[in-house]
Structure formats: structure tokens, C-alpha cells
N, C-alpha and C. Protein backbone atom coordinates (compact mmCIF):
# COMPACT_ATOMS: atom_id res chain seq x y z
N MET A 1 95.51 17.86 49.35
CA MET A 1 94.33 18.69 49.25
C MET A 1 93.15 17.88 49.80
N GLU A 2 92.36 18.57 50.53
CA GLU A 2 91.22 17.90 51.12
C GLU A 2 90.04 17.89 50.15
N TRP A 3 89.27 16.85 50.22
CA TRP A 3 88.08 16.71 49.36
C TRP A 3 87.04 17.77 49.70
N SER A 4 86.92 18.16 50.91
CA SER A 4 85.90 19.16 51.28
C SER A 4 86.17 20.50 50.62
N THR A 5 87.43 20.87 50.46
CA THR A 5 87.77 22.12 49.77
C THR A 5 87.41 22.03 48.30
N LEU A 6 87.73 20.92 47.70
CA LEU A 6 87.43 20.71 46.28
C LEU A 6 85.91 20.68 46.05
N VAL A 7 85.20 19.98 46.89
CA VAL A 7 83.73 19.89 46.76
C VAL A 7 83.11 21.26 47.00
N GLY A 8 83.60 21.99 48.00
CA GLY A 8 83.08 23.33 48.28
C GLY A 8 83.30 24.28 47.12
N THR A 9 84.48 24.21 46.52
CA THR A 9 84.80 25.05 45.36
C THR A 9 83.90 24.69 44.18
N GLY A 10 83.73 23.41 43.93
CA GLY A 10 82.87 22.97 42.83
C GLY A 10 81.42 23.37 43.05
N LEU A 11 80.95 23.19 44.29
CA LEU A 11 79.57 23.58 44.60
C LEU A 11 79.38 25.09 44.45
N GLY A 12 80.36 25.85 44.87
CA GLY A 12 80.29 27.31 44.72
C GLY A 12 80.23 27.72 43.25
N ALA A 13 81.02 27.04 42.43
CA ALA A 13 81.03 27.33 41.00
C ALA A 13 79.68 27.00 40.37
N VAL A 14 79.12 25.84 40.75
CA VAL A 14 77.81 25.44 40.21
C VAL A 14 76.74 26.44 40.63
N LEU A 15 76.75 26.84 41.90
CA LEU A 15 75.77 27.82 42.38
C LEU A 15 75.94 29.17 41.68
N GLY A 16 77.18 29.59 41.49
CA GLY A 16 77.44 30.86 40.80
C GLY A 16 76.94 30.85 39.36
N VAL A 17 77.26 29.78 38.65
CA VAL A 17 76.82 29.65 37.25
C VAL A 17 75.29 29.56 37.20
N GLY A 18 74.71 28.80 38.13
CA GLY A 18 73.24 28.67 38.17
C GLY A 18 72.56 30.00 38.43
N ALA A 19 73.10 30.78 39.36
CA ALA A 19 72.51 32.09 39.66
C ALA A 19 72.64 33.03 38.46
N THR A 20 73.78 32.98 37.81
CA THR A 20 73.99 33.83 36.62
C THR A 20 73.01 33.46 35.51
N LEU A 21 72.87 32.16 35.27
CA LEU A 21 71.93 31.70 34.23
C LEU A 21 70.49 32.07 34.57
N THR A 22 70.12 31.93 35.83
CA THR A 22 68.76 32.30 36.25
C THR A 22 68.54 33.79 36.05
N GLY A 23 69.50 34.60 36.43
CA GLY A 23 69.39 36.05 36.24
C GLY A 23 69.26 36.42 34.77
N GLU A 24 70.05 35.79 33.94
CA GLU A 24 69.98 36.04 32.50
C GLU A 24 68.64 35.62 31.92
N HIS A 25 68.12 34.51 32.38
CA HIS A 25 66.82 34.04 31.90
C HIS A 25 65.71 35.02 32.29
N VAL A 26 65.74 35.50 33.51
CA VAL A 26 64.74 36.48 33.96
C VAL A 26 64.85 37.76 33.13
N ARG A 27 66.06 38.21 32.90
CA ARG A 27 66.28 39.42 32.09
C ARG A 27 65.78 39.21 30.66
N TRP A 28 66.06 38.03 30.10
CA TRP A 28 65.61 37.71 28.74
C TRP A 28 64.09 37.71 28.66
N ARG A 29 63.43 37.09 29.63
CA ARG A 29 61.96 37.06 29.63
C ARG A 29 61.38 38.46 29.72
N ARG A 30 61.97 39.32 30.56
CA ARG A 30 61.49 40.70 30.68
C ARG A 30 61.68 41.44 29.36
N THR A 31 62.80 41.25 28.70
CA THR A 31 63.05 41.90 27.41
C THR A 31 62.05 41.43 26.36
N VAL A 32 61.79 40.14 26.32
CA VAL A 32 60.81 39.60 25.37
C VAL A 32 59.44 40.20 25.63
N ARG A 33 59.02 40.26 26.90
CA ARG A 33 57.72 40.82 27.25
C ARG A 33 57.64 42.30 26.86
N GLU A 34 58.70 43.06 27.15
CA GLU A 34 58.71 44.48 26.80
C GLU A 34 58.67 44.67 25.28
N ASN A 35 59.40 43.85 24.54
CA ASN A 35 59.37 43.95 23.08
C ASN A 35 57.99 43.60 22.52
N ARG A 36 57.38 42.57 23.08
CA ARG A 36 56.04 42.18 22.64
C ARG A 36 55.04 43.30 22.91
N LEU A 37 55.14 43.92 24.08
CA LEU A 37 54.25 45.02 24.43
C LEU A 37 54.47 46.21 23.49
N GLN A 38 55.72 46.54 23.23
CA GLN A 38 56.01 47.67 22.34
C GLN A 38 55.54 47.38 20.91
N ASN A 39 55.76 46.17 20.43
CA ASN A 39 55.29 45.81 19.09
C ASN A 39 53.78 45.89 19.00
N ARG A 40 53.10 45.39 20.01
CA ARG A 40 51.64 45.42 20.02
C ARG A 40 51.14 46.87 20.06
N ARG A 41 51.76 47.69 20.91
CA ARG A 41 51.38 49.10 21.01
C ARG A 41 51.56 49.81 19.66
N THR A 42 52.69 49.56 19.01
CA THR A 42 52.95 50.18 17.71
C THR A 42 51.93 49.72 16.67
N MET A 43 51.61 48.44 16.68
CA MET A 43 50.65 47.91 15.73
C MET A 43 49.26 48.52 15.95
N TYR A 44 48.85 48.66 17.20
CA TYR A 44 47.55 49.24 17.52
C TYR A 44 47.48 50.69 17.07
N VAL A 45 48.51 51.44 17.38
CA VAL A 45 48.54 52.85 16.99
C VAL A 45 48.55 52.97 15.47
N ASP A 46 49.36 52.17 14.79
CA ASP A 46 49.42 52.22 13.32
C ASP A 46 48.05 51.95 12.70
N CYS A 47 47.34 50.99 13.25
CA CYS A 47 46.03 50.64 12.71
C CYS A 47 45.04 51.78 12.92
N LEU A 48 44.99 52.34 14.13
CA LEU A 48 44.07 53.45 14.41
C LEU A 48 44.41 54.68 13.57
N VAL A 49 45.70 54.94 13.41
CA VAL A 49 46.12 56.09 12.59
C VAL A 49 45.73 55.87 11.13
N ALA A 50 45.89 54.65 10.63
CA ALA A 50 45.52 54.36 9.24
C ALA A 50 44.01 54.54 9.04
N LEU A 51 43.22 54.10 10.00
CA LEU A 51 41.76 54.30 9.89
C LEU A 51 41.43 55.80 9.89
N ARG A 52 42.10 56.55 10.74
CA ARG A 52 41.86 58.00 10.79
C ARG A 52 42.30 58.66 9.48
N ARG A 53 43.45 58.25 8.98
CA ARG A 53 43.97 58.80 7.72
C ARG A 53 43.00 58.52 6.57
N ALA A 54 42.43 57.32 6.56
CA ALA A 54 41.46 56.97 5.51
C ALA A 54 40.24 57.87 5.59
N HIS A 55 39.74 58.08 6.79
CA HIS A 55 38.55 58.91 6.95
C HIS A 55 38.81 60.34 6.47
N GLU A 56 39.92 60.90 6.90
CA GLU A 56 40.25 62.27 6.49
C GLU A 56 40.47 62.37 4.98
N ALA A 57 41.14 61.40 4.39
CA ALA A 57 41.39 61.42 2.94
C ALA A 57 40.08 61.32 2.16
N MET A 58 39.15 60.49 2.66
CA MET A 58 37.86 60.37 1.98
C MET A 58 37.06 61.66 2.09
N ARG A 59 37.11 62.29 3.24
CA ARG A 59 36.40 63.58 3.41
C ARG A 59 36.97 64.64 2.45
N LEU A 60 38.28 64.67 2.34
CA LEU A 60 38.90 65.63 1.42
C LEU A 60 38.50 65.33 -0.03
N ALA A 61 38.50 64.07 -0.40
CA ALA A 61 38.11 63.69 -1.76
C ALA A 61 36.65 64.05 -2.01
N ALA A 62 35.80 63.89 -1.01
CA ALA A 62 34.38 64.22 -1.16
C ALA A 62 34.16 65.72 -1.31
N ASP A 63 35.04 66.51 -0.70
CA ASP A 63 34.91 67.98 -0.75
C ASP A 63 35.56 68.61 -1.97
N GLU A 64 36.19 67.82 -2.83
CA GLU A 64 36.90 68.39 -3.97
C GLU A 64 35.99 69.00 -5.01
N GLY A 65 34.72 68.73 -4.97
CA GLY A 65 33.79 69.35 -5.91
C GLY A 65 33.84 68.74 -7.30
N HIS A 66 33.87 67.44 -7.40
CA HIS A 66 33.86 66.76 -8.70
C HIS A 66 32.48 66.94 -9.33
N THR A 67 32.49 67.20 -10.62
CA THR A 67 31.21 67.34 -11.32
C THR A 67 30.63 65.98 -11.69
N ASP A 68 31.47 65.02 -11.91
CA ASP A 68 31.02 63.68 -12.28
C ASP A 68 30.93 62.80 -11.03
N PRO A 69 29.76 62.25 -10.72
CA PRO A 69 29.61 61.41 -9.53
C PRO A 69 30.50 60.17 -9.55
N GLU A 70 30.73 59.60 -10.74
CA GLU A 70 31.58 58.42 -10.83
C GLU A 70 33.03 58.75 -10.49
N THR A 71 33.48 59.92 -10.92
CA THR A 71 34.84 60.36 -10.61
C THR A 71 34.98 60.59 -9.10
N ARG A 72 33.98 61.22 -8.52
CA ARG A 72 33.98 61.47 -7.07
C ARG A 72 34.04 60.15 -6.30
N ALA A 73 33.20 59.20 -6.68
CA ALA A 73 33.18 57.90 -5.99
C ALA A 73 34.52 57.19 -6.14
N ALA A 74 35.10 57.26 -7.34
CA ALA A 74 36.40 56.61 -7.57
C ALA A 74 37.49 57.26 -6.72
N LYS A 75 37.48 58.58 -6.62
CA LYS A 75 38.47 59.29 -5.80
C LYS A 75 38.33 58.93 -4.32
N ILE A 76 37.11 58.82 -3.86
CA ILE A 76 36.86 58.45 -2.46
C ILE A 76 37.36 57.03 -2.19
N ARG A 77 37.06 56.13 -3.10
CA ARG A 77 37.51 54.74 -2.93
C ARG A 77 39.03 54.64 -3.03
N GLN A 78 39.64 55.43 -3.91
CA GLN A 78 41.10 55.46 -4.03
C GLN A 78 41.74 56.00 -2.75
N ALA A 79 41.12 57.01 -2.15
CA ALA A 79 41.64 57.56 -0.90
C ALA A 79 41.61 56.51 0.20
N PHE A 80 40.54 55.75 0.24
CA PHE A 80 40.42 54.67 1.22
C PHE A 80 41.52 53.64 0.98
N GLN A 81 41.69 53.23 -0.24
CA GLN A 81 42.68 52.21 -0.62
C GLN A 81 44.09 52.67 -0.29
N ALA A 82 44.40 53.93 -0.58
CA ALA A 82 45.76 54.44 -0.40
C ALA A 82 46.14 54.67 1.06
N SER A 83 45.16 54.68 1.95
CA SER A 83 45.42 55.00 3.35
C SER A 83 46.23 53.93 4.08
N GLY A 84 46.20 52.72 3.59
CA GLY A 84 46.92 51.63 4.25
C GLY A 84 46.13 50.97 5.37
N CYS A 85 44.86 51.32 5.51
CA CYS A 85 44.08 50.74 6.62
C CYS A 85 43.81 49.26 6.41
N ASP A 86 43.69 48.80 5.16
CA ASP A 86 43.50 47.37 4.93
C ASP A 86 44.70 46.57 5.44
N GLU A 87 45.89 47.03 5.10
CA GLU A 87 47.11 46.34 5.51
C GLU A 87 47.28 46.37 7.03
N ALA A 88 47.05 47.54 7.62
CA ALA A 88 47.19 47.67 9.08
C ALA A 88 46.20 46.77 9.81
N ARG A 89 44.99 46.70 9.30
CA ARG A 89 43.97 45.84 9.90
C ARG A 89 44.37 44.37 9.80
N GLU A 90 44.83 43.96 8.64
CA GLU A 90 45.23 42.56 8.45
C GLU A 90 46.40 42.19 9.36
N ARG A 91 47.38 43.08 9.48
CA ARG A 91 48.52 42.84 10.35
C ARG A 91 48.05 42.63 11.79
N LEU A 92 47.13 43.47 12.22
CA LEU A 92 46.64 43.39 13.58
C LEU A 92 45.81 42.13 13.80
N ILE A 93 44.91 41.85 12.89
CA ILE A 93 44.03 40.69 13.04
C ILE A 93 44.83 39.38 13.05
N LEU A 94 45.91 39.36 12.32
CA LEU A 94 46.73 38.15 12.26
C LEU A 94 47.36 37.82 13.60
N THR A 95 47.70 38.82 14.39
CA THR A 95 48.44 38.58 15.63
C THR A 95 47.65 38.84 16.90
N ALA A 96 46.53 39.52 16.82
CA ALA A 96 45.79 39.90 18.02
C ALA A 96 44.82 38.81 18.44
N ASP A 97 44.35 38.93 19.68
CA ASP A 97 43.35 37.97 20.15
C ASP A 97 41.97 38.33 19.57
N ALA A 98 41.01 37.46 19.80
CA ALA A 98 39.69 37.59 19.16
C ALA A 98 38.98 38.88 19.53
N GLU A 99 39.07 39.29 20.78
CA GLU A 99 38.37 40.50 21.21
C GLU A 99 38.92 41.75 20.51
N VAL A 100 40.23 41.82 20.38
CA VAL A 100 40.86 42.95 19.68
C VAL A 100 40.48 42.92 18.20
N ALA A 101 40.54 41.74 17.60
CA ALA A 101 40.20 41.60 16.18
C ALA A 101 38.75 42.03 15.93
N GLU A 102 37.84 41.64 16.79
CA GLU A 102 36.43 42.04 16.62
C GLU A 102 36.26 43.54 16.74
N ALA A 103 36.95 44.15 17.69
CA ALA A 103 36.84 45.60 17.89
C ALA A 103 37.39 46.36 16.68
N ILE A 104 38.52 45.93 16.17
CA ILE A 104 39.10 46.60 15.00
C ILE A 104 38.23 46.36 13.77
N ASP A 105 37.72 45.17 13.62
CA ASP A 105 36.82 44.88 12.50
C ASP A 105 35.58 45.76 12.54
N ALA A 106 35.02 45.97 13.72
CA ALA A 106 33.83 46.83 13.84
C ALA A 106 34.16 48.26 13.40
N SER A 107 35.31 48.76 13.81
CA SER A 107 35.72 50.11 13.40
C SER A 107 35.96 50.16 11.90
N TYR A 108 36.65 49.16 11.38
CA TYR A 108 36.94 49.11 9.95
C TYR A 108 35.66 49.03 9.11
N LEU A 109 34.75 48.15 9.50
CA LEU A 109 33.50 48.01 8.74
C LEU A 109 32.66 49.28 8.81
N SER A 110 32.67 49.95 9.94
CA SER A 110 31.93 51.21 10.04
C SER A 110 32.57 52.28 9.14
N LEU A 111 33.89 52.22 9.00
CA LEU A 111 34.57 53.15 8.10
C LEU A 111 34.21 52.85 6.65
N ARG A 112 34.05 51.59 6.32
CA ARG A 112 33.61 51.24 4.96
C ARG A 112 32.20 51.78 4.69
N ARG A 113 31.34 51.81 5.71
CA ARG A 113 30.00 52.40 5.54
C ARG A 113 30.11 53.91 5.31
N VAL A 114 31.08 54.54 5.97
CA VAL A 114 31.34 55.96 5.72
C VAL A 114 31.77 56.14 4.27
N ARG A 115 32.67 55.27 3.82
CA ARG A 115 33.15 55.32 2.44
C ARG A 115 31.99 55.20 1.45
N GLU A 116 31.12 54.24 1.68
CA GLU A 116 30.00 54.03 0.76
C GLU A 116 29.00 55.19 0.80
N ALA A 117 28.81 55.77 1.96
CA ALA A 117 27.92 56.94 2.05
C ALA A 117 28.49 58.09 1.23
N LEU A 118 29.78 58.36 1.38
CA LEU A 118 30.40 59.44 0.62
C LEU A 118 30.45 59.11 -0.87
N ALA A 119 30.76 57.87 -1.21
CA ALA A 119 30.86 57.48 -2.62
C ALA A 119 29.50 57.50 -3.30
N SER A 120 28.43 57.33 -2.52
CA SER A 120 27.09 57.34 -3.13
C SER A 120 26.59 58.76 -3.39
N GLY A 121 27.37 59.76 -3.00
CA GLY A 121 27.00 61.13 -3.31
C GLY A 121 26.65 61.98 -2.10
N CYS A 122 26.66 61.39 -0.92
CA CYS A 122 26.36 62.16 0.30
C CYS A 122 27.45 63.20 0.53
N THR A 123 27.06 64.33 1.02
CA THR A 123 28.03 65.35 1.42
C THR A 123 28.37 65.16 2.89
N VAL A 124 29.40 65.85 3.34
CA VAL A 124 29.80 65.70 4.73
C VAL A 124 28.79 66.34 5.69
N THR A 125 27.87 67.11 5.16
CA THR A 125 26.83 67.70 6.01
C THR A 125 25.52 66.91 5.97
N SER A 126 25.45 65.88 5.14
CA SER A 126 24.21 65.11 5.02
C SER A 126 23.96 64.26 6.26
N ASP A 127 22.70 63.98 6.50
CA ASP A 127 22.32 63.14 7.65
C ASP A 127 22.89 61.73 7.53
N GLU A 128 22.89 61.17 6.32
CA GLU A 128 23.39 59.82 6.13
C GLU A 128 24.87 59.73 6.48
N TYR A 129 25.64 60.72 6.01
CA TYR A 129 27.07 60.73 6.35
C TYR A 129 27.26 60.93 7.86
N GLN A 130 26.53 61.86 8.44
CA GLN A 130 26.67 62.13 9.87
C GLN A 130 26.35 60.89 10.70
N THR A 131 25.34 60.14 10.30
CA THR A 131 24.99 58.92 11.01
C THR A 131 26.12 57.89 10.88
N ALA A 132 26.64 57.73 9.68
CA ALA A 132 27.74 56.78 9.45
C ALA A 132 28.99 57.23 10.20
N ARG A 133 29.26 58.52 10.21
CA ARG A 133 30.43 59.05 10.92
C ARG A 133 30.30 58.82 12.42
N GLN A 134 29.11 59.04 12.94
CA GLN A 134 28.88 58.82 14.37
C GLN A 134 29.07 57.34 14.74
N ALA A 135 28.54 56.46 13.90
CA ALA A 135 28.70 55.01 14.15
C ALA A 135 30.19 54.63 14.10
N HIS A 136 30.91 55.22 13.16
CA HIS A 136 32.34 54.94 13.07
C HIS A 136 33.07 55.48 14.31
N GLY A 137 32.72 56.66 14.74
CA GLY A 137 33.33 57.22 15.95
C GLY A 137 33.07 56.34 17.17
N ASP A 138 31.83 55.88 17.30
CA ASP A 138 31.49 55.00 18.43
C ASP A 138 32.29 53.69 18.37
N ALA A 139 32.36 53.10 17.18
CA ALA A 139 33.09 51.84 17.03
C ALA A 139 34.58 52.03 17.30
N THR A 140 35.13 53.14 16.89
CA THR A 140 36.56 53.40 17.10
C THR A 140 36.84 53.67 18.58
N ARG A 141 35.96 54.40 19.25
CA ARG A 141 36.14 54.61 20.69
C ARG A 141 36.07 53.28 21.45
N ALA A 142 35.15 52.42 21.05
CA ALA A 142 35.04 51.10 21.68
C ALA A 142 36.30 50.29 21.42
N ALA A 143 36.84 50.38 20.21
CA ALA A 143 38.07 49.66 19.87
C ALA A 143 39.23 50.17 20.72
N ARG A 144 39.33 51.48 20.91
CA ARG A 144 40.40 52.03 21.74
C ARG A 144 40.33 51.47 23.16
N THR A 145 39.13 51.35 23.68
CA THR A 145 38.96 50.80 25.02
C THR A 145 39.47 49.36 25.08
N VAL A 146 39.10 48.56 24.10
CA VAL A 146 39.55 47.17 24.06
C VAL A 146 41.07 47.11 23.90
N LEU A 147 41.63 47.95 23.06
CA LEU A 147 43.08 47.96 22.84
C LEU A 147 43.81 48.34 24.12
N ARG A 148 43.31 49.35 24.82
CA ARG A 148 43.93 49.75 26.09
C ARG A 148 43.88 48.61 27.11
N GLN A 149 42.74 47.96 27.20
CA GLN A 149 42.61 46.84 28.14
C GLN A 149 43.60 45.72 27.80
N ASN A 150 43.75 45.46 26.51
CA ASN A 150 44.66 44.42 26.08
C ASN A 150 46.10 44.80 26.42
N LEU A 151 46.48 46.05 26.20
CA LEU A 151 47.83 46.49 26.53
C LEU A 151 48.07 46.42 28.04
N THR A 152 47.08 46.80 28.81
CA THR A 152 47.20 46.73 30.26
C THR A 152 47.41 45.29 30.73
N ALA A 153 46.68 44.36 30.12
CA ALA A 153 46.85 42.96 30.47
C ALA A 153 48.24 42.45 30.09
N LEU A 154 48.78 42.93 29.00
CA LEU A 154 50.13 42.51 28.58
C LEU A 154 51.21 43.08 29.51
N GLU A 155 50.93 44.26 30.09
CA GLU A 155 51.91 44.89 30.97
C GLU A 155 52.11 44.13 32.27
N SER A 156 51.08 43.40 32.68
CA SER A 156 51.20 42.71 33.98
C SER A 156 51.77 41.33 33.85
């Protein structure tokens, strides 16, 4: 047997294994990137949905027509607590970059101002509530923009 045949066969095997490993590594990296993007997208949507759920639950609690202001305030605060927005926000802030965390915090804090306006006795038609609701809407729209930009950056 000639050495050139043996060397050629060995070199071919090394190149074949190397190409296979490189292909697998590229595929693995793409899968990791896609999973990270999907996880981030799910987390962003969950957080925004939780904030929306909290707002709607607080509005419903405010409209229930409680005769006792303390009971009304407690129901509004319970609706906020039960929405899961605290947990969703914490999950996001723990893993997101600073710009995303700031945007979500701004939306969350504006929602807390909505909560306090409703808990203090404001109705959904009052100017104070409308101002707080508008600020929350603006903060949430700004957060959506930041979240979209972040997802777009992760896609590339």
C-alpha cells in the first residue's frame, strides 16, 4: 500500500469530520440565537400583557361602585397585585439590557400612578385619571418602540 493513498484517505476523513463539525456548530449557534429571540419576544409580550391586564382590572374594580372608599382602594390595589405585572417586570428587568429595563420601568411606574389615582377616589372620567392614563399610554407606546428595536437588533 502506498503512503499517498493512506495520507489522502486520512486527510479526507479529517476534512469530512471538520466540515461536519463546522456545520453542526453553525446550526447550533443559529438555534441558540432563534431560541434567545423567541424567549425575549415571549417575555416582552408577557410583560406588556400583564401591564394591560392590570390596567383593565383596576378600571373594573374602580367601576364596581363600592360605597366605602377604603374597600374600593383595596380592591384596586388587589387587582394590580393579582395581574402579575410585578413578576413579569422583574423577569424582564433581570435579563434585558438597560434601555429595555428603563422603558418597562417607565411604563410600570406610570401604571402605578394610574393605580394611585383610582385608589384615591378618582373615577375613570376624572381629569386626574385621564392624565395618568394618557401618561401611561405614552410610556407604554415608547416601551413598545424600544422593545421592537431590541428584537430587531437580536434578529440580525
